[in-house]
Amino acid sequence: ITIRLDNAVLDHFRKQVHQAGGGNYQTL
C-alpha cells in the first residue's frame, strides 16, 4: 500500500533500526 506518515514517526522507527544495527523500519 501507499501510506503517508509523519516525518517524526518515520524518523523514530528508522532510528530504532539504526541503533539495532540494521533491520527494516517497515517491519517495526
mmCIF file of all heavy atoms, coordinates in Angstrom:
data_MODEL
# 
_entry.id   MODEL 
# 
loop_
_atom_site.group_PDB 
_atom_site.id 
_atom_site.type_symbol 
_atom_site.label_atom_id 
_atom_site.label_alt_id 
_atom_site.label_comp_id 
_atom_site.label_asym_id 
_atom_site.label_entity_id 
_atom_site.label_seq_id 
_atom_site.pdbx_PDB_ins_code 
_atom_site.Cartn_x 
_atom_site.Cartn_y 
_atom_site.Cartn_z 
_atom_site.occupancy 
_atom_site.B_iso_or_equiv 
_atom_site.pdbx_formal_charge 
_atom_site.auth_seq_id 
_atom_site.auth_comp_id 
_atom_site.auth_asym_id 
_atom_site.auth_atom_id 
_atom_site.pdbx_PDB_model_num 
ATOM 1   N N   . ILE A 1 1  ? 0.842  -1.192 0.000  1.00 0.00 ? 1  ILE A N   1 
ATOM 2   C CA  . ILE A 1 1  ? 0.000  0.000  0.000  1.00 0.00 ? 1  ILE A CA  1 
ATOM 3   C C   . ILE A 1 1  ? 0.877  1.241  0.000  1.00 0.00 ? 1  ILE A C   1 
ATOM 4   O O   . ILE A 1 1  ? 2.079  1.160  0.251  1.00 0.00 ? 1  ILE A O   1 
ATOM 5   C CB  . ILE A 1 1  ? -0.952 0.048  1.218  1.00 0.00 ? 1  ILE A CB  1 
ATOM 6   C CG1 . ILE A 1 1  ? -0.149 0.162  2.522  1.00 0.00 ? 1  ILE A CG1 1 
ATOM 7   C CG2 . ILE A 1 1  ? -1.883 -1.144 1.243  1.00 0.00 ? 1  ILE A CG2 1 
ATOM 8   C CD1 . ILE A 1 1  ? -0.977 0.575  3.715  1.00 0.00 ? 1  ILE A CD1 1 
ATOM 9   N N   . THR A 1 2  ? 0.266  2.357  -0.242 1.00 0.00 ? 2  THR A N   1 
ATOM 10  C CA  . THR A 1 2  ? 0.930  3.643  -0.091 1.00 0.00 ? 2  THR A CA  1 
ATOM 11  C C   . THR A 1 2  ? 0.274  4.329  1.090  1.00 0.00 ? 2  THR A C   1 
ATOM 12  O O   . THR A 1 2  ? -0.950 4.400  1.167  1.00 0.00 ? 2  THR A O   1 
ATOM 13  C CB  . THR A 1 2  ? 0.767  4.497  -1.361 1.00 0.00 ? 2  THR A CB  1 
ATOM 14  O OG1 . THR A 1 2  ? 1.354  3.795  -2.446 1.00 0.00 ? 2  THR A OG1 1 
ATOM 15  C CG2 . THR A 1 2  ? 1.438  5.838  -1.198 1.00 0.00 ? 2  THR A CG2 1 
ATOM 16  N N   . ILE A 1 3  ? 1.077  4.819  2.018  1.00 0.00 ? 3  ILE A N   1 
ATOM 17  C CA  . ILE A 1 3  ? 0.551  5.472  3.213  1.00 0.00 ? 3  ILE A CA  1 
ATOM 18  C C   . ILE A 1 3  ? 1.434  6.679  3.523  1.00 0.00 ? 3  ILE A C   1 
ATOM 19  O O   . ILE A 1 3  ? 2.634  6.645  3.322  1.00 0.00 ? 3  ILE A O   1 
ATOM 20  C CB  . ILE A 1 3  ? 0.527  4.487  4.409  1.00 0.00 ? 3  ILE A CB  1 
ATOM 21  C CG1 . ILE A 1 3  ? -0.113 5.103  5.632  1.00 0.00 ? 3  ILE A CG1 1 
ATOM 22  C CG2 . ILE A 1 3  ? 1.900  3.949  4.708  1.00 0.00 ? 3  ILE A CG2 1 
ATOM 23  C CD1 . ILE A 1 3  ? -0.357 4.109  6.754  1.00 0.00 ? 3  ILE A CD1 1 
ATOM 24  N N   . ARG A 1 4  ? 0.826  7.730  3.991  1.00 0.00 ? 4  ARG A N   1 
ATOM 25  C CA  . ARG A 1 4  ? 1.583  8.928  4.370  1.00 0.00 ? 4  ARG A CA  1 
ATOM 26  C C   . ARG A 1 4  ? 1.695  8.964  5.884  1.00 0.00 ? 4  ARG A C   1 
ATOM 27  O O   . ARG A 1 4  ? 0.695  8.946  6.593  1.00 0.00 ? 4  ARG A O   1 
ATOM 28  C CB  . ARG A 1 4  ? 0.890  10.181 3.859  1.00 0.00 ? 4  ARG A CB  1 
ATOM 29  C CG  . ARG A 1 4  ? 0.861  10.253 2.354  1.00 0.00 ? 4  ARG A CG  1 
ATOM 30  C CD  . ARG A 1 4  ? 0.250  11.569 1.886  1.00 0.00 ? 4  ARG A CD  1 
ATOM 31  N NE  . ARG A 1 4  ? 0.091  11.579 0.465  1.00 0.00 ? 4  ARG A NE  1 
ATOM 32  C CZ  . ARG A 1 4  ? 1.043  11.939 -0.405 1.00 0.00 ? 4  ARG A CZ  1 
ATOM 33  N NH1 . ARG A 1 4  ? 2.217  12.301 0.029  1.00 0.00 ? 4  ARG A NH1 1 
ATOM 34  N NH2 . ARG A 1 4  ? 0.802  11.921 -1.692 1.00 0.00 ? 4  ARG A NH2 1 
ATOM 35  N N   . LEU A 1 5  ? 2.941  9.001  6.370  1.00 0.00 ? 5  LEU A N   1 
ATOM 36  C CA  . LEU A 1 5  ? 3.206  9.063  7.799  1.00 0.00 ? 5  LEU A CA  1 
ATOM 37  C C   . LEU A 1 5  ? 3.982  10.335 8.103  1.00 0.00 ? 5  LEU A C   1 
ATOM 38  O O   . LEU A 1 5  ? 4.711  10.844 7.254  1.00 0.00 ? 5  LEU A O   1 
ATOM 39  C CB  . LEU A 1 5  ? 4.036  7.850  8.240  1.00 0.00 ? 5  LEU A CB  1 
ATOM 40  C CG  . LEU A 1 5  ? 3.402  6.481  8.007  1.00 0.00 ? 5  LEU A CG  1 
ATOM 41  C CD1 . LEU A 1 5  ? 4.398  5.384  8.338  1.00 0.00 ? 5  LEU A CD1 1 
ATOM 42  C CD2 . LEU A 1 5  ? 2.140  6.328  8.829  1.00 0.00 ? 5  LEU A CD2 1 
ATOM 43  N N   . ASP A 1 6  ? 3.846  10.826 9.312  1.00 0.00 ? 6  ASP A N   1 
ATOM 44  C CA  . ASP A 1 6  ? 4.613  12.000 9.735  1.00 0.00 ? 6  ASP A CA  1 
ATOM 45  C C   . ASP A 1 6  ? 6.102  11.679 9.676  1.00 0.00 ? 6  ASP A C   1 
ATOM 46  O O   . ASP A 1 6  ? 6.523  10.557 9.981  1.00 0.00 ? 6  ASP A O   1 
ATOM 47  C CB  . ASP A 1 6  ? 4.261  12.394 11.167 1.00 0.00 ? 6  ASP A CB  1 
ATOM 48  C CG  . ASP A 1 6  ? 2.838  12.907 11.304 1.00 0.00 ? 6  ASP A CG  1 
ATOM 49  O OD1 . ASP A 1 6  ? 2.241  13.265 10.280 1.00 0.00 ? 6  ASP A OD1 1 
ATOM 50  O OD2 . ASP A 1 6  ? 2.346  12.941 12.440 1.00 0.00 ? 6  ASP A OD2 1 
ATOM 51  N N   . ASN A 1 7  ? 6.894  12.684 9.341  1.00 0.00 ? 7  ASN A N   1 
ATOM 52  C CA  . ASN A 1 7  ? 8.346  12.510 9.309  1.00 0.00 ? 7  ASN A CA  1 
ATOM 53  C C   . ASN A 1 7  ? 8.876  12.063 10.661 1.00 0.00 ? 7  ASN A C   1 
ATOM 54  O O   . ASN A 1 7  ? 9.795  11.244 10.736 1.00 0.00 ? 7  ASN A O   1 
ATOM 55  C CB  . ASN A 1 7  ? 9.035  13.799 8.876  1.00 0.00 ? 7  ASN A CB  1 
ATOM 56  C CG  . ASN A 1 7  ? 8.781  14.116 7.426  1.00 0.00 ? 7  ASN A CG  1 
ATOM 57  O OD1 . ASN A 1 7  ? 8.496  13.236 6.625  1.00 0.00 ? 7  ASN A OD1 1 
ATOM 58  N ND2 . ASN A 1 7  ? 8.891  15.382 7.078  1.00 0.00 ? 7  ASN A ND2 1 
ATOM 59  N N   . ALA A 1 8  ? 8.302  12.593 11.730 1.00 0.00 ? 8  ALA A N   1 
ATOM 60  C CA  . ALA A 1 8  ? 8.753  12.228 13.074 1.00 0.00 ? 8  ALA A CA  1 
ATOM 61  C C   . ALA A 1 8  ? 8.536  10.734 13.350 1.00 0.00 ? 8  ALA A C   1 
ATOM 62  O O   . ALA A 1 8  ? 9.352  10.093 14.011 1.00 0.00 ? 8  ALA A O   1 
ATOM 63  C CB  . ALA A 1 8  ? 8.035  13.069 14.127 1.00 0.00 ? 8  ALA A CB  1 
ATOM 64  N N   . VAL A 1 9  ? 7.441  10.187 12.844 1.00 0.00 ? 9  VAL A N   1 
ATOM 65  C CA  . VAL A 1 9  ? 7.160  8.758  13.024 1.00 0.00 ? 9  VAL A CA  1 
ATOM 66  C C   . VAL A 1 9  ? 8.206  7.933  12.278 1.00 0.00 ? 9  VAL A C   1 
ATOM 67  O O   . VAL A 1 9  ? 8.802  6.997  12.833 1.00 0.00 ? 9  VAL A O   1 
ATOM 68  C CB  . VAL A 1 9  ? 5.734  8.404  12.536 1.00 0.00 ? 9  VAL A CB  1 
ATOM 69  C CG1 . VAL A 1 9  ? 5.510  6.900  12.519 1.00 0.00 ? 9  VAL A CG1 1 
ATOM 70  C CG2 . VAL A 1 9  ? 4.692  9.096  13.404 1.00 0.00 ? 9  VAL A CG2 1 
ATOM 71  N N   . LEU A 1 10 ? 8.455  8.279  11.023 1.00 0.00 ? 10 LEU A N   1 
ATOM 72  C CA  . LEU A 1 10 ? 9.461  7.561  10.244 1.00 0.00 ? 10 LEU A CA  1 
ATOM 73  C C   . LEU A 1 10 ? 10.840 7.686  10.874 1.00 0.00 ? 10 LEU A C   1 
ATOM 74  O O   . LEU A 1 10 ? 11.576 6.699  10.968 1.00 0.00 ? 10 LEU A O   1 
ATOM 75  C CB  . LEU A 1 10 ? 9.493  8.074  8.801  1.00 0.00 ? 10 LEU A CB  1 
ATOM 76  C CG  . LEU A 1 10 ? 8.302  7.682  7.938  1.00 0.00 ? 10 LEU A CG  1 
ATOM 77  C CD1 . LEU A 1 10 ? 8.402  8.362  6.586  1.00 0.00 ? 10 LEU A CD1 1 
ATOM 78  C CD2 . LEU A 1 10 ? 8.209  6.187  7.787  1.00 0.00 ? 10 LEU A CD2 1 
ATOM 79  N N   . ASP A 1 11 ? 11.182 8.886  11.306 1.00 0.00 ? 11 ASP A N   1 
ATOM 80  C CA  . ASP A 1 11 ? 12.486 9.103  11.937 1.00 0.00 ? 11 ASP A CA  1 
ATOM 81  C C   . ASP A 1 11 ? 12.656 8.220  13.171 1.00 0.00 ? 11 ASP A C   1 
ATOM 82  O O   . ASP A 1 11 ? 13.720 7.649  13.398 1.00 0.00 ? 11 ASP A O   1 
ATOM 83  C CB  . ASP A 1 11 ? 12.675 10.573 12.325 1.00 0.00 ? 11 ASP A CB  1 
ATOM 84  C CG  . ASP A 1 11 ? 12.828 11.482 11.121 1.00 0.00 ? 11 ASP A CG  1 
ATOM 85  O OD1 . ASP A 1 11 ? 13.098 10.976 10.008 1.00 0.00 ? 11 ASP A OD1 1 
ATOM 86  O OD2 . ASP A 1 11 ? 12.665 12.709 11.299 1.00 0.00 ? 11 ASP A OD2 1 
ATOM 87  N N   . HIS A 1 12 ? 11.586 8.107  13.953 1.00 0.00 ? 12 HIS A N   1 
ATOM 88  C CA  . HIS A 1 12 ? 11.634 7.281  15.165 1.00 0.00 ? 12 HIS A CA  1 
ATOM 89  C C   . HIS A 1 12 ? 11.969 5.827  14.823 1.00 0.00 ? 12 HIS A C   1 
ATOM 90  O O   . HIS A 1 12 ? 12.866 5.226  15.417 1.00 0.00 ? 12 HIS A O   1 
ATOM 91  C CB  . HIS A 1 12 ? 10.291 7.357  15.902 1.00 0.00 ? 12 HIS A CB  1 
ATOM 92  C CG  . HIS A 1 12 ? 10.160 6.357  16.999 1.00 0.00 ? 12 HIS A CG  1 
ATOM 93  N ND1 . HIS A 1 12 ? 10.736 6.531  18.231 1.00 0.00 ? 12 HIS A ND1 1 
ATOM 94  C CD2 . HIS A 1 12 ? 9.535  5.157  17.029 1.00 0.00 ? 12 HIS A CD2 1 
ATOM 95  C CE1 . HIS A 1 12 ? 10.457 5.483  18.988 1.00 0.00 ? 12 HIS A CE1 1 
ATOM 96  N NE2 . HIS A 1 12 ? 9.743  4.636  18.279 1.00 0.00 ? 12 HIS A NE2 1 
ATOM 97  N N   . PHE A 1 13 ? 11.239 5.259  13.871 1.00 0.00 ? 13 PHE A N   1 
ATOM 98  C CA  . PHE A 1 13 ? 11.454 3.854  13.529 1.00 0.00 ? 13 PHE A CA  1 
ATOM 99  C C   . PHE A 1 13 ? 12.786 3.639  12.805 1.00 0.00 ? 13 PHE A C   1 
ATOM 100 O O   . PHE A 1 13 ? 13.460 2.636  13.040 1.00 0.00 ? 13 PHE A O   1 
ATOM 101 C CB  . PHE A 1 13 ? 10.279 3.319  12.706 1.00 0.00 ? 13 PHE A CB  1 
ATOM 102 C CG  . PHE A 1 13 ? 9.057  3.068  13.550 1.00 0.00 ? 13 PHE A CG  1 
ATOM 103 C CD1 . PHE A 1 13 ? 8.017  3.980  13.573 1.00 0.00 ? 13 PHE A CD1 1 
ATOM 104 C CD2 . PHE A 1 13 ? 8.957  1.937  14.337 1.00 0.00 ? 13 PHE A CD2 1 
ATOM 105 C CE1 . PHE A 1 13 ? 6.897  3.764  14.366 1.00 0.00 ? 13 PHE A CE1 1 
ATOM 106 C CE2 . PHE A 1 13 ? 7.844  1.706  15.131 1.00 0.00 ? 13 PHE A CE2 1 
ATOM 107 C CZ  . PHE A 1 13 ? 6.812  2.628  15.152 1.00 0.00 ? 13 PHE A CZ  1 
ATOM 108 N N   . ARG A 1 14 ? 13.179 4.564  11.963 1.00 0.00 ? 14 ARG A N   1 
ATOM 109 C CA  . ARG A 1 14 ? 14.478 4.454  11.290 1.00 0.00 ? 14 ARG A CA  1 
ATOM 110 C C   . ARG A 1 14 ? 15.614 4.528  12.312 1.00 0.00 ? 14 ARG A C   1 
ATOM 111 O O   . ARG A 1 14 ? 16.611 3.819  12.192 1.00 0.00 ? 14 ARG A O   1 
ATOM 112 C CB  . ARG A 1 14 ? 14.617 5.543  10.243 1.00 0.00 ? 14 ARG A CB  1 
ATOM 113 C CG  . ARG A 1 14 ? 13.769 5.276  9.021  1.00 0.00 ? 14 ARG A CG  1 
ATOM 114 C CD  . ARG A 1 14 ? 13.849 6.415  8.032  1.00 0.00 ? 14 ARG A CD  1 
ATOM 115 N NE  . ARG A 1 14 ? 13.105 6.108  6.820  1.00 0.00 ? 14 ARG A NE  1 
ATOM 116 C CZ  . ARG A 1 14 ? 12.618 7.007  5.993  1.00 0.00 ? 14 ARG A CZ  1 
ATOM 117 N NH1 . ARG A 1 14 ? 12.794 8.306  6.238  1.00 0.00 ? 14 ARG A NH1 1 
ATOM 118 N NH2 . ARG A 1 14 ? 11.968 6.643  4.921  1.00 0.00 ? 14 ARG A NH2 1 
ATOM 119 N N   . LYS A 1 15 ? 15.452 5.372  13.321 1.00 0.00 ? 15 LYS A N   1 
ATOM 120 C CA  . LYS A 1 15 ? 16.468 5.499  14.374 1.00 0.00 ? 15 LYS A CA  1 
ATOM 121 C C   . LYS A 1 15 ? 16.580 4.191  15.151 1.00 0.00 ? 15 LYS A C   1 
ATOM 122 O O   . LYS A 1 15 ? 17.678 3.748  15.474 1.00 0.00 ? 15 LYS A O   1 
ATOM 123 C CB  . LYS A 1 15 ? 16.108 6.661  15.305 1.00 0.00 ? 15 LYS A CB  1 
ATOM 124 C CG  . LYS A 1 15 ? 17.125 6.917  16.380 1.00 0.00 ? 15 LYS A CG  1 
ATOM 125 C CD  . LYS A 1 15 ? 16.726 8.113  17.225 1.00 0.00 ? 15 LYS A CD  1 
ATOM 126 C CE  . LYS A 1 15 ? 17.725 8.333  18.348 1.00 0.00 ? 15 LYS A CE  1 
ATOM 127 N NZ  . LYS A 1 15 ? 17.324 9.445  19.217 1.00 0.00 ? 15 LYS A NZ  1 
ATOM 128 N N   . GLN A 1 16 ? 15.440 3.569  15.440 1.00 0.00 ? 16 GLN A N   1 
ATOM 129 C CA  . GLN A 1 16 ? 15.461 2.292  16.149 1.00 0.00 ? 16 GLN A CA  1 
ATOM 130 C C   . GLN A 1 16 ? 16.218 1.233  15.348 1.00 0.00 ? 16 GLN A C   1 
ATOM 131 O O   . GLN A 1 16 ? 16.997 0.464  15.906 1.00 0.00 ? 16 GLN A O   1 
ATOM 132 C CB  . GLN A 1 16 ? 14.041 1.798  16.432 1.00 0.00 ? 16 GLN A CB  1 
ATOM 133 C CG  . GLN A 1 16 ? 13.368 2.516  17.570 1.00 0.00 ? 16 GLN A CG  1 
ATOM 134 C CD  . GLN A 1 16 ? 12.048 1.882  17.929 1.00 0.00 ? 16 GLN A CD  1 
ATOM 135 O OE1 . GLN A 1 16 ? 11.364 1.294  17.086 1.00 0.00 ? 16 GLN A OE1 1 
ATOM 136 N NE2 . GLN A 1 16 ? 11.673 1.990  19.186 1.00 0.00 ? 16 GLN A NE2 1 
ATOM 137 N N   . VAL A 1 17 ? 15.984 1.196  14.038 1.00 0.00 ? 17 VAL A N   1 
ATOM 138 C CA  . VAL A 1 17 ? 16.679 0.245  13.174 1.00 0.00 ? 17 VAL A CA  1 
ATOM 139 C C   . VAL A 1 17 ? 18.174 0.534  13.180 1.00 0.00 ? 17 VAL A C   1 
ATOM 140 O O   . VAL A 1 17 ? 19.002 -0.377 13.291 1.00 0.00 ? 17 VAL A O   1 
ATOM 141 C CB  . VAL A 1 17 ? 16.113 0.287  11.736 1.00 0.00 ? 17 VAL A CB  1 
ATOM 142 C CG1 . VAL A 1 17 ? 17.027 -0.423 10.756 1.00 0.00 ? 17 VAL A CG1 1 
ATOM 143 C CG2 . VAL A 1 17 ? 14.724 -0.312 11.688 1.00 0.00 ? 17 VAL A CG2 1 
ATOM 144 N N   . HIS A 1 18 ? 18.528 1.801  13.091 1.00 0.00 ? 18 HIS A N   1 
ATOM 145 C CA  . HIS A 1 18 ? 19.939 2.191  13.089 1.00 0.00 ? 18 HIS A CA  1 
ATOM 146 C C   . HIS A 1 18 ? 20.616 1.788  14.398 1.00 0.00 ? 18 HIS A C   1 
ATOM 147 O O   . HIS A 1 18 ? 21.716 1.231  14.402 1.00 0.00 ? 18 HIS A O   1 
ATOM 148 C CB  . HIS A 1 18 ? 20.069 3.700  12.855 1.00 0.00 ? 18 HIS A CB  1 
ATOM 149 C CG  . HIS A 1 18 ? 21.479 4.185  12.852 1.00 0.00 ? 18 HIS A CG  1 
ATOM 150 N ND1 . HIS A 1 18 ? 22.348 3.913  11.817 1.00 0.00 ? 18 HIS A ND1 1 
ATOM 151 C CD2 . HIS A 1 18 ? 22.174 4.902  13.770 1.00 0.00 ? 18 HIS A CD2 1 
ATOM 152 C CE1 . HIS A 1 18 ? 23.528 4.445  12.108 1.00 0.00 ? 18 HIS A CE1 1 
ATOM 153 N NE2 . HIS A 1 18 ? 23.440 5.059  13.283 1.00 0.00 ? 18 HIS A NE2 1 
ATOM 154 N N   . GLN A 1 19 ? 19.942 2.049  15.522 1.00 0.00 ? 19 GLN A N   1 
ATOM 155 C CA  . GLN A 1 19 ? 20.508 1.714  16.835 1.00 0.00 ? 19 GLN A CA  1 
ATOM 156 C C   . GLN A 1 19 ? 20.647 0.199  17.013 1.00 0.00 ? 19 GLN A C   1 
ATOM 157 O O   . GLN A 1 19 ? 21.537 -0.263 17.715 1.00 0.00 ? 19 GLN A O   1 
ATOM 158 C CB  . GLN A 1 19 ? 19.656 2.293  17.957 1.00 0.00 ? 19 GLN A CB  1 
ATOM 159 C CG  . GLN A 1 19 ? 19.762 3.800  18.070 1.00 0.00 ? 19 GLN A CG  1 
ATOM 160 C CD  . GLN A 1 19 ? 18.797 4.398  19.089 1.00 0.00 ? 19 GLN A CD  1 
ATOM 161 O OE1 . GLN A 1 19 ? 17.830 3.764  19.503 1.00 0.00 ? 19 GLN A OE1 1 
ATOM 162 N NE2 . GLN A 1 19 ? 19.062 5.630  19.471 1.00 0.00 ? 19 GLN A NE2 1 
ATOM 163 N N   . ALA A 1 20 ? 19.754 -0.559 16.374 1.00 0.00 ? 20 ALA A N   1 
ATOM 164 C CA  . ALA A 1 20 ? 19.813 -2.018 16.470 1.00 0.00 ? 20 ALA A CA  1 
ATOM 165 C C   . ALA A 1 20 ? 20.880 -2.600 15.547 1.00 0.00 ? 20 ALA A C   1 
ATOM 166 O O   . ALA A 1 20 ? 21.153 -3.793 15.592 1.00 0.00 ? 20 ALA A O   1 
ATOM 167 C CB  . ALA A 1 20 ? 18.448 -2.617 16.138 1.00 0.00 ? 20 ALA A CB  1 
ATOM 168 N N   . GLY A 1 21 ? 21.443 -1.765 14.693 1.00 0.00 ? 21 GLY A N   1 
ATOM 169 C CA  . GLY A 1 21 ? 22.483 -2.234 13.791 1.00 0.00 ? 21 GLY A CA  1 
ATOM 170 C C   . GLY A 1 21 ? 21.964 -2.800 12.488 1.00 0.00 ? 21 GLY A C   1 
ATOM 171 O O   . GLY A 1 21 ? 22.678 -3.476 11.761 1.00 0.00 ? 21 GLY A O   1 
ATOM 172 N N   . GLY A 1 22 ? 20.707 -2.533 12.193 1.00 0.00 ? 22 GLY A N   1 
ATOM 173 C CA  . GLY A 1 22 ? 20.134 -2.996 10.929 1.00 0.00 ? 22 GLY A CA  1 
ATOM 174 C C   . GLY A 1 22 ? 18.739 -3.523 11.120 1.00 0.00 ? 22 GLY A C   1 
ATOM 175 O O   . GLY A 1 22 ? 18.259 -3.674 12.240 1.00 0.00 ? 22 GLY A O   1 
ATOM 176 N N   . GLY A 1 23 ? 18.103 -3.785 10.037 1.00 0.00 ? 23 GLY A N   1 
ATOM 177 C CA  . GLY A 1 23 ? 16.738 -4.284 10.055 1.00 0.00 ? 23 GLY A CA  1 
ATOM 178 C C   . GLY A 1 23 ? 15.895 -3.498 9.078  1.00 0.00 ? 23 GLY A C   1 
ATOM 179 O O   . GLY A 1 23 ? 16.412 -2.868 8.154  1.00 0.00 ? 23 GLY A O   1 
ATOM 180 N N   . ASN A 1 24 ? 14.595 -3.533 9.290  1.00 0.00 ? 24 ASN A N   1 
ATOM 181 C CA  . ASN A 1 24 ? 13.668 -2.891 8.382  1.00 0.00 ? 24 ASN A CA  1 
ATOM 182 C C   . ASN A 1 24 ? 12.677 -2.062 9.181  1.00 0.00 ? 24 ASN A C   1 
ATOM 183 O O   . ASN A 1 24 ? 11.933 -2.599 10.007 1.00 0.00 ? 24 ASN A O   1 
ATOM 184 C CB  . ASN A 1 24 ? 12.934 -3.961 7.559  1.00 0.00 ? 24 ASN A CB  1 
ATOM 185 C CG  . ASN A 1 24 ? 12.048 -3.387 6.497  1.00 0.00 ? 24 ASN A CG  1 
ATOM 186 O OD1 . ASN A 1 24 ? 11.435 -2.337 6.668  1.00 0.00 ? 24 ASN A OD1 1 
ATOM 187 N ND2 . ASN A 1 24 ? 11.958 -4.083 5.382  1.00 0.00 ? 24 ASN A ND2 1 
ATOM 188 N N   . TYR A 1 25 ? 12.671 -0.763 8.963  1.00 0.00 ? 25 TYR A N   1 
ATOM 189 C CA  . TYR A 1 25 ? 11.776 0.115  9.721  1.00 0.00 ? 25 TYR A CA  1 
ATOM 190 C C   . TYR A 1 25 ? 10.307 -0.202 9.437  1.00 0.00 ? 25 TYR A C   1 
ATOM 191 O O   . TYR A 1 25 ? 9.451  -0.044 10.296 1.00 0.00 ? 25 TYR A O   1 
ATOM 192 C CB  . TYR A 1 25 ? 12.086 1.591  9.460  1.00 0.00 ? 25 TYR A CB  1 
ATOM 193 C CG  . TYR A 1 25 ? 11.649 2.105  8.116  1.00 0.00 ? 25 TYR A CG  1 
ATOM 194 C CD1 . TYR A 1 25 ? 10.414 2.704  7.955  1.00 0.00 ? 25 TYR A CD1 1 
ATOM 195 C CD2 . TYR A 1 25 ? 12.463 1.990  6.996  1.00 0.00 ? 25 TYR A CD2 1 
ATOM 196 C CE1 . TYR A 1 25 ? 9.994  3.172  6.726  1.00 0.00 ? 25 TYR A CE1 1 
ATOM 197 C CE2 . TYR A 1 25 ? 12.063 2.457  5.771  1.00 0.00 ? 25 TYR A CE2 1 
ATOM 198 C CZ  . TYR A 1 25 ? 10.834 3.048  5.637  1.00 0.00 ? 25 TYR A CZ  1 
ATOM 199 O OH  . TYR A 1 25 ? 10.423 3.497  4.416  1.00 0.00 ? 25 TYR A OH  1 
ATOM 200 N N   . GLN A 1 26 ? 10.018 -0.684 8.232  1.00 0.00 ? 26 GLN A N   1 
ATOM 201 C CA  . GLN A 1 26 ? 8.632  -1.023 7.906  1.00 0.00 ? 26 GLN A CA  1 
ATOM 202 C C   . GLN A 1 26 ? 8.150  -2.202 8.753  1.00 0.00 ? 26 GLN A C   1 
ATOM 203 O O   . GLN A 1 26 ? 7.001  -2.240 9.186  1.00 0.00 ? 26 GLN A O   1 
ATOM 204 C CB  . GLN A 1 26 ? 8.496  -1.333 6.420  1.00 0.00 ? 26 GLN A CB  1 
ATOM 205 C CG  . GLN A 1 26 ? 8.730  -0.122 5.555  1.00 0.00 ? 26 GLN A CG  1 
ATOM 206 C CD  . GLN A 1 26 ? 8.767  -0.454 4.076  1.00 0.00 ? 26 GLN A CD  1 
ATOM 207 O OE1 . GLN A 1 26 ? 9.032  -1.593 3.689  1.00 0.00 ? 26 GLN A OE1 1 
ATOM 208 N NE2 . GLN A 1 26 ? 8.519  0.543  3.248  1.00 0.00 ? 26 GLN A NE2 1 
ATOM 209 N N   . THR A 1 27 ? 9.040  -3.147 9.004  1.00 0.00 ? 27 THR A N   1 
ATOM 210 C CA  . THR A 1 27 ? 8.697  -4.282 9.865  1.00 0.00 ? 27 THR A CA  1 
ATOM 211 C C   . THR A 1 27 ? 8.401  -3.798 11.280 1.00 0.00 ? 27 THR A C   1 
ATOM 212 O O   . THR A 1 27 ? 7.452  -4.267 11.918 1.00 0.00 ? 27 THR A O   1 
ATOM 213 C CB  . THR A 1 27 ? 9.847  -5.309 9.878  1.00 0.00 ? 27 THR A CB  1 
ATOM 214 O OG1 . THR A 1 27 ? 10.054 -5.768 8.541  1.00 0.00 ? 27 THR A OG1 1 
ATOM 215 C CG2 . THR A 1 27 ? 9.538  -6.482 10.775 1.00 0.00 ? 27 THR A CG2 1 
ATOM 216 N N   . LEU A 1 28 ? 9.190  -2.844 11.769 1.00 0.00 ? 28 LEU A N   1 
ATOM 217 C CA  . LEU A 1 28 ? 8.944  -2.298 13.109 1.00 0.00 ? 28 LEU A CA  1 
ATOM 218 C C   . LEU A 1 28 ? 7.599  -1.590 13.184 1.00 0.00 ? 28 LEU A C   1 
ATOM 219 O O   . LEU A 1 28 ? 6.880  -1.715 14.181 1.00 0.00 ? 28 LEU A O   1 
ATOM 220 C CB  . LEU A 1 28 ? 10.055 -1.331 13.507 1.00 0.00 ? 28 LEU A CB  1 
ATOM 221 C CG  . LEU A 1 28 ? 11.426 -1.931 13.782 1.00 0.00 ? 28 LEU A CG  1 
ATOM 222 C CD1 . LEU A 1 28 ? 12.408 -0.838 14.197 1.00 0.00 ? 28 LEU A CD1 1 
ATOM 223 C CD2 . LEU A 1 28 ? 11.347 -2.994 14.853 1.00 0.00 ? 28 LEU A CD2 1 
# 
